[in-house]
Each structure stands twice: as structure tokens, then as C-alpha cells.
C-alpha atoms as a PDB file:
ATOM      1  CA  UNK A   1      84.932  92.037  72.604  1.00  0.00           C
ATOM      2  CA  UNK A   2      87.235  90.135  74.614  1.00  0.00           C
ATOM      3  CA  UNK A   3      87.966  90.574  78.244  1.00  0.00           C
ATOM      4  CA  UNK A   4      91.480  91.565  77.501  1.00  0.00           C
ATOM      5  CA  UNK A   5      90.213  94.109  75.133  1.00  0.00           C
ATOM      6  CA  UNK A   6      87.879  95.428  77.501  1.00  0.00           C
ATOM      7  CA  UNK A   7      90.048  95.908  80.405  1.00  0.00           C
ATOM      8  CA  UNK A   8      92.336  97.961  77.871  1.00  0.00           C
ATOM      9  CA  UNK A   9      89.940 100.213  77.140  1.00  0.00           C
ATOM     10  CA  UNK A  10      88.931 100.574  80.776  1.00  0.00           C
ATOM     11  CA  UNK A  11      92.486 100.996  81.910  1.00  0.00           C
ATOM     12  CA  UNK A  12      92.038  97.849  84.305  1.00  0.00           C
ATOM     13  CA  UNK A  13      93.434  94.282  84.497  1.00  0.00           C
ATOM     14  CA  UNK A  14      91.988  91.393  82.726  1.00  0.00           C
ATOM     15  CA  UNK A  15      91.521  89.776  86.130  1.00  0.00           C
ATOM     16  CA  UNK A  16      89.604  92.669  87.578  1.00  0.00           C
ATOM     17  CA  UNK A  17      87.155  92.272  84.663  1.00  0.00           C
ATOM     18  CA  UNK A  18      87.100  88.809  85.257  1.00  0.00           C
ATOM     19  CA  UNK A  19      86.340  89.496  88.937  1.00  0.00           C
ATOM     20  CA  UNK A  20      83.442  91.914  87.864  1.00  0.00           C
ATOM     21  CA  UNK A  21      81.604  89.537  85.553  1.00  0.00           C
ATOM     22  CA  UNK A  22      81.864  86.626  88.107  1.00  0.00           C
ATOM     23  CA  UNK A  23      80.334  88.822  90.751  1.00  0.00           C
ATOM     24  CA  UNK A  24      83.470  88.683  92.859  1.00  0.00           C
ATOM     25  CA  UNK A  25      84.025  92.350  92.984  1.00  0.00           C
ATOM     26  CA  UNK A  26      82.145  95.646  91.850  1.00  0.00           C
ATOM     27  CA  UNK A  27      83.164  98.110  89.755  1.00  0.00           C
ATOM     28  CA  UNK A  28      83.788 101.719  90.951  1.00  0.00           C
ATOM     29  CA  UNK A  29      81.554 104.385  89.626  1.00  0.00           C
ATOM     30  CA  UNK A  30      84.195 105.591  87.474  1.00  0.00           C
ATOM     31  CA  UNK A  31      84.922 102.097  86.107  1.00  0.00           C
ATOM     32  CA  UNK A  32      81.042 101.556  85.940  1.00  0.00           C
ATOM     33  CA  UNK A  33      80.567 105.031  84.178  1.00  0.00           C
ATOM     34  CA  UNK A  34      83.655 103.993  81.714  1.00  0.00           C
ATOM     35  CA  UNK A  35      81.981 100.536  80.960  1.00  0.00           C
ATOM     36  CA  UNK A  36      78.630 102.229  79.812  1.00  0.00           C
ATOM     37  CA  UNK A  37      80.675 104.398  77.466  1.00  0.00           C
ATOM     38  CA  UNK A  38      82.764 101.721  76.136  1.00  0.00           C
ATOM     39  CA  UNK A  39      79.855  99.140  75.460  1.00  0.00           C
ATOM     40  CA  UNK A  40      77.588 101.993  74.428  1.00  0.00           C
ATOM     41  CA  UNK A  41      74.936 101.161  77.042  1.00  0.00           C
ATOM     42  CA  UNK A  42      72.809 103.217  79.504  1.00  0.00           C
ATOM     43  CA  UNK A  43      73.653 102.960  82.911  1.00  0.00           C
ATOM     44  CA  UNK A  44      70.372 101.898  83.919  1.00  0.00           C
ATOM     45  CA  UNK A  45      70.958  98.494  82.043  1.00  0.00           C
ATOM     46  CA  UNK A  46      74.123  97.502  84.649  1.00  0.00           C
ATOM     47  CA  UNK A  47      72.051  98.909  87.658  1.00  0.00           C
ATOM     48  CA  UNK A  48      69.126  96.253  86.937  1.00  0.00           C
ATOM     49  CA  UNK A  49      66.672  99.228  86.380  1.00  0.00           C
END
């Protein structure tokens, strides 16, 4: 999945996805939840647990 495709799935801009990936920004709880659903991952995996 490209950053642009992920951004479309999340309803945010591709530059925002890039900010999350690079560590320049952190997603809101709503976006973090949507990210887990889109990628099919457990929330603990993005929380570092």
C-alpha cells in the first residue's frame, strides 16, 4: 500500500501520513484506530507494547 492509498483510506493527506511515518507528528486516537483497522494490526503493535 502506498502512502497515498493509506491517506485515502484514512481520509487524511499524504503529507500527514509522511509526517506520522517520519515521526514529525503523532496521529490522533481516531486516526490511530483507523490505521489499525486499515492495516489489520493490533493497537498494541503501534503503541510499542
